[in-house]
Structures are given as C-alpha cells and as structure tokens.
PDB file of N, CA and C in Angstrom:
ATOM      1  N   MET A   1      -7.834  14.032   2.310  1.00  0.00           N
ATOM      2  CA  MET A   1      -7.428  13.039   1.356  1.00  0.00           C
ATOM      3  C   MET A   1      -5.989  12.625   1.646  1.00  0.00           C
ATOM      4  N   CYS A   2      -5.708  11.350   1.407  1.00  0.00           N
ATOM      5  CA  CYS A   2      -4.359  10.815   1.555  1.00  0.00           C
ATOM      6  C   CYS A   2      -4.240   9.600   0.641  1.00  0.00           C
ATOM      7  N   TYR A   3      -3.075   8.994   0.670  1.00  0.00           N
ATOM      8  CA  TYR A   3      -2.829   7.806  -0.137  1.00  0.00           C
ATOM      9  C   TYR A   3      -2.241   6.733   0.766  1.00  0.00           C
ATOM     10  N   LEU A   4      -2.775   5.536   0.650  1.00  0.00           N
ATOM     11  CA  LEU A   4      -2.197   4.383   1.324  1.00  0.00           C
ATOM     12  C   LEU A   4      -1.302   3.702   0.307  1.00  0.00           C
ATOM     13  N   VAL A   5      -0.050   3.517   0.662  1.00  0.00           N
ATOM     14  CA  VAL A   5       0.952   2.998  -0.253  1.00  0.00           C
ATOM     15  C   VAL A   5       1.469   1.661   0.257  1.00  0.00           C
ATOM     16  N   ALA A   6       1.580   0.706  -0.653  1.00  0.00           N
ATOM     17  CA  ALA A   6       2.176  -0.598  -0.347  1.00  0.00           C
ATOM     18  C   ALA A   6       3.420  -0.737  -1.203  1.00  0.00           C
ATOM     19  N   LYS A   7       4.545  -1.002  -0.538  1.00  0.00           N
ATOM     20  CA  LYS A   7       5.817  -1.106  -1.242  1.00  0.00           C
ATOM     21  C   LYS A   7       6.573  -2.338  -0.797  1.00  0.00           C
ATOM     22  N   ASP A   8       7.031  -3.097  -1.762  1.00  0.00           N
ATOM     23  CA  ASP A   8       7.953  -4.193  -1.492  1.00  0.00           C
ATOM     24  C   ASP A   8       9.310  -3.537  -1.243  1.00  0.00           C
ATOM     25  N   VAL A   9       9.893  -3.756  -0.084  1.00  0.00           N
ATOM     26  CA  VAL A   9      11.125  -3.057   0.276  1.00  0.00           C
ATOM     27  C   VAL A   9      12.290  -3.380  -0.651  1.00  0.00           C
ATOM     28  N   ASN A  10      12.178  -4.440  -1.446  1.00  0.00           N
ATOM     29  CA  ASN A  10      13.260  -4.826  -2.344  1.00  0.00           C
ATOM     30  C   ASN A  10      13.038  -4.382  -3.787  1.00  0.00           C
ATOM     31  N   LYS A  11      11.980  -3.609  -4.043  1.00  0.00           N
ATOM     32  CA  LYS A  11      11.680  -3.187  -5.409  1.00  0.00           C
ATOM     33  C   LYS A  11      11.530  -1.671  -5.473  1.00  0.00           C
ATOM     34  N   HIS A  12      11.544  -1.144  -6.691  1.00  0.00           N
ATOM     35  CA  HIS A  12      11.466   0.305  -6.904  1.00  0.00           C
ATOM     36  C   HIS A  12      10.127   0.727  -7.485  1.00  0.00           C
ATOM     37  N   GLU A  13       9.064   0.196  -6.971  1.00  0.00           N
ATOM     38  CA  GLU A  13       7.726   0.569  -7.397  1.00  0.00           C
ATOM     39  C   GLU A  13       6.774   0.317  -6.248  1.00  0.00           C
ATOM     40  N   CYS A  14       5.568   0.840  -6.374  1.00  0.00           N
ATOM     41  CA  CYS A  14       4.596   0.602  -5.314  1.00  0.00           C
ATOM     42  C   CYS A  14       3.185   0.702  -5.865  1.00  0.00           C
ATOM     43  N   TYR A  15       2.252   0.349  -5.036  1.00  0.00           N
ATOM     44  CA  TYR A  15       0.831   0.451  -5.345  1.00  0.00           C
ATOM     45  C   TYR A  15       0.230   1.446  -4.367  1.00  0.00           C
ATOM     46  N   ALA A  16      -0.703   2.252  -4.843  1.00  0.00           N
ATOM     47  CA  ALA A  16      -1.296   3.281  -4.002  1.00  0.00           C
ATOM     48  C   ALA A  16      -2.806   3.306  -4.171  1.00  0.00           C
ATOM     49  N   LEU A  17      -3.463   3.710  -3.103  1.00  0.00           N
ATOM     50  CA  LEU A  17      -4.912   3.862  -3.091  1.00  0.00           C
ATOM     51  C   LEU A  17      -5.237   5.251  -2.558  1.00  0.00           C
ATOM     52  N   LYS A  18      -5.972   6.025  -3.325  1.00  0.00           N
ATOM     53  CA  LYS A  18      -6.432   7.330  -2.866  1.00  0.00           C
ATOM     54  C   LYS A  18      -7.581   7.085  -1.888  1.00  0.00           C
ATOM     55  N   THR A  19      -7.468   7.647  -0.688  1.00  0.00           N
ATOM     56  CA  THR A  19      -8.443   7.377   0.359  1.00  0.00           C
ATOM     57  C   THR A  19      -8.554   8.585   1.289  1.00  0.00           C
ATOM     58  N   THR A  20      -9.190   8.394   2.415  1.00  0.00           N
ATOM     59  CA  THR A  20      -9.316   9.464   3.402  1.00  0.00           C
ATOM     60  C   THR A  20      -8.872   8.947   4.762  1.00  0.00           C
ATOM     61  N   HIS A  21      -8.429   9.859   5.606  1.00  0.00           N
ATOM     62  CA  HIS A  21      -8.050   9.494   6.969  1.00  0.00           C
ATOM     63  C   HIS A  21      -9.297   9.046   7.723  1.00  0.00           C
ATOM     64  N   GLY A  22      -9.099   8.183   8.696  1.00  0.00           N
ATOM     65  CA  GLY A  22     -10.228   7.782   9.517  1.00  0.00           C
ATOM     66  C   GLY A  22     -10.151   6.330   9.951  1.00  0.00           C
ATOM     67  N   LYS A  23     -11.203   5.907  10.595  1.00  0.00           N
ATOM     68  CA  LYS A  23     -11.271   4.574  11.183  1.00  0.00           C
ATOM     69  C   LYS A  23     -11.107   3.464  10.143  1.00  0.00           C
ATOM     70  N   ARG A  24     -11.741   3.620   8.990  1.00  0.00           N
ATOM     71  CA  ARG A  24     -11.644   2.584   7.955  1.00  0.00           C
ATOM     72  C   ARG A  24     -10.207   2.425   7.476  1.00  0.00           C
ATOM     73  N   LEU A  25      -9.504   3.505   7.291  1.00  0.00           N
ATOM     74  CA  LEU A  25      -8.102   3.440   6.863  1.00  0.00           C
ATOM     75  C   LEU A  25      -7.259   2.714   7.907  1.00  0.00           C
ATOM     76  N   VAL A  26      -7.457   3.035   9.167  1.00  0.00           N
ATOM     77  CA  VAL A  26      -6.713   2.386  10.249  1.00  0.00           C
ATOM     78  C   VAL A  26      -6.992   0.887  10.259  1.00  0.00           C
ATOM     79  N   GLN A  27      -8.254   0.517  10.125  1.00  0.00           N
ATOM     80  CA  GLN A  27      -8.621  -0.904  10.129  1.00  0.00           C
ATOM     81  C   GLN A  27      -7.996  -1.639   8.948  1.00  0.00           C
ATOM     82  N   MET A  28      -8.072  -1.041   7.767  1.00  0.00           N
ATOM     83  CA  MET A  28      -7.522  -1.677   6.578  1.00  0.00           C
ATOM     84  C   MET A  28      -6.011  -1.843   6.705  1.00  0.00           C
ATOM     85  N   LYS A  29      -5.347  -0.805   7.190  1.00  0.00           N
ATOM     86  CA  LYS A  29      -3.892  -0.852   7.332  1.00  0.00           C
ATOM     87  C   LYS A  29      -3.475  -1.916   8.354  1.00  0.00           C
ATOM     88  N   ARG A  30      -4.192  -1.994   9.473  1.00  0.00           N
ATOM     89  CA  ARG A  30      -3.888  -3.019  10.479  1.00  0.00           C
ATOM     90  C   ARG A  30      -4.089  -4.419   9.930  1.00  0.00           C
ATOM     91  N   GLU A  31      -5.214  -4.615   9.228  1.00  0.00           N
ATOM     92  CA  GLU A  31      -5.507  -5.932   8.655  1.00  0.00           C
ATOM     93  C   GLU A  31      -4.422  -6.358   7.675  1.00  0.00           C
ATOM     94  N   LEU A  32      -4.042  -5.447   6.784  1.00  0.00           N
ATOM     95  CA  LEU A  32      -3.014  -5.783   5.805  1.00  0.00           C
ATOM     96  C   LEU A  32      -1.652  -5.985   6.461  1.00  0.00           C
ATOM     97  N   ASN A  33      -1.309  -5.154   7.432  1.00  0.00           N
ATOM     98  CA  ASN A  33      -0.012  -5.292   8.103  1.00  0.00           C
ATOM     99  C   ASN A  33       0.164  -6.655   8.747  1.00  0.00           C
ATOM    100  N   THR A  34      -0.898  -7.200   9.326  1.00  0.00           N
ATOM    101  CA  THR A  34      -0.780  -8.523   9.957  1.00  0.00           C
ATOM    102  C   THR A  34      -0.475  -9.601   8.927  1.00  0.00           C
ATOM    103  N   LYS A  35      -0.846  -9.364   7.673  1.00  0.00           N
ATOM    104  CA  LYS A  35      -0.646 -10.365   6.618  1.00  0.00           C
ATOM    105  C   LYS A  35       0.627 -10.160   5.801  1.00  0.00           C
ATOM    106  N   VAL A  36       1.133  -8.923   5.750  1.00  0.00           N
ATOM    107  CA  VAL A  36       2.228  -8.661   4.812  1.00  0.00           C
ATOM    108  C   VAL A  36       3.511  -8.093   5.408  1.00  0.00           C
ATOM    109  N   ALA A  37       3.466  -7.508   6.582  1.00  0.00           N
ATOM    110  CA  ALA A  37       4.653  -6.844   7.129  1.00  0.00           C
ATOM    111  C   ALA A  37       5.826  -7.799   7.289  1.00  0.00           C
ATOM    112  N   HIS A  38       5.559  -9.007   7.730  1.00  0.00           N
ATOM    113  CA  HIS A  38       6.629  -9.994   7.937  1.00  0.00           C
ATOM    114  C   HIS A  38       7.235 -10.497   6.625  1.00  0.00           C
ATOM    115  N   LYS A  39       6.624 -10.147   5.502  1.00  0.00           N
ATOM    116  CA  LYS A  39       7.124 -10.553   4.189  1.00  0.00           C
ATOM    117  C   LYS A  39       7.831  -9.409   3.459  1.00  0.00           C
ATOM    118  N   GLY A  40       8.086  -8.301   4.149  1.00  0.00           N
ATOM    119  CA  GLY A  40       8.826  -7.204   3.535  1.00  0.00           C
ATOM    120  C   GLY A  40       7.976  -6.232   2.736  1.00  0.00           C
ATOM    121  N   ILE A  41       6.678  -6.208   3.007  1.00  0.00           N
ATOM    122  CA  ILE A  41       5.799  -5.238   2.363  1.00  0.00           C
ATOM    123  C   ILE A  41       5.544  -4.110   3.355  1.00  0.00           C
ATOM    124  N   GLN A  42       5.901  -2.907   2.975  1.00  0.00           N
ATOM    125  CA  GLN A  42       5.753  -1.741   3.832  1.00  0.00           C
ATOM    126  C   GLN A  42       4.471  -1.006   3.457  1.00  0.00           C
ATOM    127  N   LEU A  43       3.666  -0.673   4.457  1.00  0.00           N
ATOM    128  CA  LEU A  43       2.458   0.121   4.249  1.00  0.00           C
ATOM    129  C   LEU A  43       2.654   1.479   4.900  1.00  0.00           C
ATOM    130  N   VAL A  44       2.477   2.531   4.121  1.00  0.00           N
ATOM    131  CA  VAL A  44       2.613   3.888   4.645  1.00  0.00           C
ATOM    132  C   VAL A  44       1.466   4.742   4.128  1.00  0.00           C
ATOM    133  N   THR A  45       1.145   5.758   4.885  1.00  0.00           N
ATOM    134  CA  THR A  45       0.138   6.730   4.476  1.00  0.00           C
ATOM    135  C   THR A  45       0.870   8.038   4.170  1.00  0.00           C
ATOM    136  N   ILE A  46       0.623   8.569   2.973  1.00  0.00           N
ATOM    137  CA  ILE A  46       1.291   9.795   2.554  1.00  0.00           C
ATOM    138  C   ILE A  46       0.254  10.839   2.129  1.00  0.00           C
ATOM    139  N   SER A  47       0.690  12.075   2.083  1.00  0.00           N
ATOM    140  CA  SER A  47      -0.221  13.162   1.723  1.00  0.00           C
ATOM    141  C   SER A  47      -0.427  13.283   0.218  1.00  0.00           C
ATOM    142  N   ARG A  48       0.654  13.134  -0.543  1.00  0.00           N
ATOM    143  CA  ARG A  48       0.551  13.207  -2.002  1.00  0.00           C
ATOM    144  C   ARG A  48       1.757  12.509  -2.630  1.00  0.00           C
ATOM    145  N   PRO A  49       1.532  11.784  -3.701  1.00  0.00           N
ATOM    146  CA  PRO A  49       2.609  11.012  -4.338  1.00  0.00           C
ATOM    147  C   PRO A  49       3.782  11.861  -4.818  1.00  0.00           C
ATOM    148  N   THR A  50       3.522  13.065  -5.300  1.00  0.00           N
ATOM    149  CA  THR A  50       4.619  13.888  -5.832  1.00  0.00           C
ATOM    150  C   THR A  50       5.611  14.295  -4.753  1.00  0.00           C
ATOM    151  N   ALA A  51       5.203  14.263  -3.504  1.00  0.00           N
ATOM    152  CA  ALA A  51       6.095  14.634  -2.412  1.00  0.00           C
ATOM    153  C   ALA A  51       6.973  13.473  -1.954  1.00  0.00           C
ATOM    154  N   TYR A  52       6.684  12.267  -2.422  1.00  0.00           N
ATOM    155  CA  TYR A  52       7.407  11.090  -1.963  1.00  0.00           C
ATOM    156  C   TYR A  52       7.946  10.305  -3.153  1.00  0.00           C
ATOM    157  N   GLY A  53       8.940  10.861  -3.791  1.00  0.00           N
ATOM    158  CA  GLY A  53       9.546  10.240  -4.955  1.00  0.00           C
ATOM    159  C   GLY A  53      10.214   8.909  -4.679  1.00  0.00           C
ATOM    160  N   GLU A  54      10.578   8.658  -3.429  1.00  0.00           N
ATOM    161  CA  GLU A  54      11.253   7.397  -3.102  1.00  0.00           C
ATOM    162  C   GLU A  54      10.357   6.178  -3.312  1.00  0.00           C
ATOM    163  N   TYR A  55       9.053   6.390  -3.412  1.00  0.00           N
ATOM    164  CA  TYR A  55       8.136   5.276  -3.650  1.00  0.00           C
ATOM    165  C   TYR A  55       7.779   5.106  -5.124  1.00  0.00           C
ATOM    166  N   ALA A  56       8.144   6.036  -5.959  1.00  0.00           N
ATOM    167  CA  ALA A  56       7.804   6.003  -7.383  1.00  0.00           C
ATOM    168  C   ALA A  56       8.524   4.842  -8.075  1.00  0.00           C
ATOM    169  N   PRO A  57       7.978   4.346  -9.155  1.00  0.00           N
ATOM    170  CA  PRO A  57       6.728   4.760  -9.791  1.00  0.00           C
ATOM    171  C   PRO A  57       5.514   4.175  -9.064  1.00  0.00           C
ATOM    172  N   TYR A  58       4.432   4.908  -9.102  1.00  0.00           N
ATOM    173  CA  TYR A  58       3.188   4.507  -8.455  1.00  0.00           C
ATOM    174  C   TYR A  58       2.258   3.826  -9.458  1.00  0.00           C
ATOM    175  N   GLN A  59       1.591   2.805  -9.001  1.00  0.00           N
ATOM    176  CA  GLN A  59       0.489   2.211  -9.749  1.00  0.00           C
ATOM    177  C   GLN A  59      -0.731   2.351  -8.844  1.00  0.00           C
ATOM    178  N   PHE A  60      -1.788   2.950  -9.362  1.00  0.00           N
ATOM    179  CA  PHE A  60      -2.941   3.276  -8.529  1.00  0.00           C
ATOM    180  C   PHE A  60      -4.054   2.249  -8.656  1.00  0.00           C
ATOM    181  N   ALA A  61      -4.548   1.804  -7.505  1.00  0.00           N
ATOM    182  CA  ALA A  61      -5.720   0.934  -7.459  1.00  0.00           C
ATOM    183  C   ALA A  61      -6.963   1.813  -7.503  1.00  0.00           C
ATOM    184  N   HIS A  62      -8.056   1.267  -8.016  1.00  0.00           N
ATOM    185  CA  HIS A  62      -9.292   2.036  -8.163  1.00  0.00           C
ATOM    186  C   HIS A  62     -10.271   1.829  -7.009  1.00  0.00           C
ATOM    187  N   SER A  63     -10.010   0.833  -6.166  1.00  0.00           N
ATOM    188  CA  SER A  63     -10.925   0.560  -5.053  1.00  0.00           C
ATOM    189  C   SER A  63     -10.162  -0.108  -3.914  1.00  0.00           C
ATOM    190  N   GLU A  64     -10.755  -0.110  -2.725  1.00  0.00           N
ATOM    191  CA  GLU A  64     -10.145  -0.789  -1.582  1.00  0.00           C
ATOM    192  C   GLU A  64      -9.972  -2.275  -1.871  1.00  0.00           C
ATOM    193  N   GLU A  65     -10.971  -2.874  -2.483  1.00  0.00           N
ATOM    194  CA  GLU A  65     -10.917  -4.299  -2.780  1.00  0.00           C
ATOM    195  C   GLU A  65      -9.760  -4.624  -3.723  1.00  0.00           C
ATOM    196  N   GLU A  66      -9.601  -3.805  -4.757  1.00  0.00           N
ATOM    197  CA  GLU A  66      -8.500  -4.008  -5.695  1.00  0.00           C
ATOM    198  C   GLU A  66      -7.160  -3.850  -4.986  1.00  0.00           C
ATOM    199  N   PHE A  67      -7.026  -2.813  -4.163  1.00  0.00           N
ATOM    200  CA  PHE A  67      -5.784  -2.567  -3.441  1.00  0.00           C
ATOM    201  C   PHE A  67      -5.449  -3.740  -2.529  1.00  0.00           C
ATOM    202  N   MET A  68      -6.433  -4.222  -1.775  1.00  0.00           N
ATOM    203  CA  MET A  68      -6.194  -5.336  -0.858  1.00  0.00           C
ATOM    204  C   MET A  68      -5.790  -6.590  -1.620  1.00  0.00           C
ATOM    205  N   SER A  69      -6.413  -6.853  -2.752  1.00  0.00           N
ATOM    206  CA  SER A  69      -6.049  -8.015  -3.572  1.00  0.00           C
ATOM    207  C   SER A  69      -4.626  -7.895  -4.094  1.00  0.00           C
ATOM    208  N   ILE A  70      -4.261  -6.705  -4.548  1.00  0.00           N
ATOM    209  CA  ILE A  70      -2.906  -6.475  -5.062  1.00  0.00           C
ATOM    210  C   ILE A  70      -1.872  -6.707  -3.965  1.00  0.00           C
ATOM    211  N   VAL A  71      -2.120  -6.150  -2.791  1.00  0.00           N
ATOM    212  CA  VAL A  71      -1.157  -6.269  -1.694  1.00  0.00           C
ATOM    213  C   VAL A  71      -1.016  -7.739  -1.268  1.00  0.00           C
ATOM    214  N   LYS A  72      -2.110  -8.441  -1.177  1.00  0.00           N
ATOM    215  CA  LYS A  72      -2.041  -9.865  -0.814  1.00  0.00           C
ATOM    216  C   LYS A  72      -1.304 -10.664  -1.886  1.00  0.00           C
ATOM    217  N   ALA A  73      -1.475 -10.297  -3.148  1.00  0.00           N
ATOM    218  CA  ALA A  73      -0.765 -10.960  -4.245  1.00  0.00           C
ATOM    219  C   ALA A  73       0.729 -10.668  -4.199  1.00  0.00           C
ATOM    220  N   MET A  74       1.113  -9.492  -3.711  1.00  0.00           N
ATOM    221  CA  MET A  74       2.541  -9.163  -3.581  1.00  0.00           C
ATOM    222  C   MET A  74       3.228 -10.175  -2.686  1.00  0.00           C
ATOM    223  N   VAL A  75       2.563 -10.595  -1.642  1.00  0.00           N
ATOM    224  CA  VAL A  75       3.118 -11.578  -0.703  1.00  0.00           C
ATOM    225  C   VAL A  75       3.260 -12.926  -1.380  1.00  0.00           C
ATOM    226  N   LYS A  76       2.254 -13.325  -2.142  1.00  0.00           N
ATOM    227  CA  LYS A  76       2.303 -14.618  -2.829  1.00  0.00           C
ATOM    228  C   LYS A  76       3.427 -14.670  -3.839  1.00  0.00           C
ATOM    229  N   LEU A  77       3.694 -13.555  -4.504  1.00  0.00           N
ATOM    230  CA  LEU A  77       4.782 -13.511  -5.489  1.00  0.00           C
ATOM    231  C   LEU A  77       6.147 -13.654  -4.825  1.00  0.00           C
ATOM    232  N   LYS A  78       6.240 -13.229  -3.572  1.00  0.00           N
ATOM    233  CA  LYS A  78       7.513 -13.329  -2.857  1.00  0.00           C
ATOM    234  C   LYS A  78       7.780 -14.753  -2.379  1.00  0.00           C
ATOM    235  N   GLY A  79       6.728 -15.557  -2.351  1.00  0.00           N
ATOM    236  CA  GLY A  79       6.888 -16.943  -1.923  1.00  0.00           C
ATOM    237  C   GLY A  79       6.664 -17.105  -0.520  1.00  0.00           C
TER     238      GLY A  79
END
C-alpha cells in the first residue's frame, strides 16, 4: 500500500489517493505528470501520510477517477 499525493507547490495542502505499487500507479502518475507538472503540481508517492507532514493537511480521494479529476481541476484553478 502507498499513497499518491498531488500538491500545488505554492500551497500548504494536498490531495492523496490510497493505492498500491505497480503498473497502474506508474501509468496514472505519468499521465497526470504530462498534464500538470509544468503548472507547478507535484506528484509524489509516499508510504504513509503521517510520515510526511510537509504535505499536510491531506484531503483524500475515494477513487482513481476522483483523484484524477481533482488534480486536473487544480491546473484549471491556477489558470
């Protein structure tokens, strides 16, 4: 188990998705990175939220689809 975290580098909060390591995680992260990295959205994979306080506070998505929608919306909010 791990968490995929999306953080706007200029804000003190992030969105996280509880997931598992593997091919699907790599594909999702690559797909999102091509759309958001140039806009200042950082995607990282962490072991557990309590170990990474620098990303807090966390808001958790309930599904991959929700997480992807949230991350894409983060870019739209930045303009």
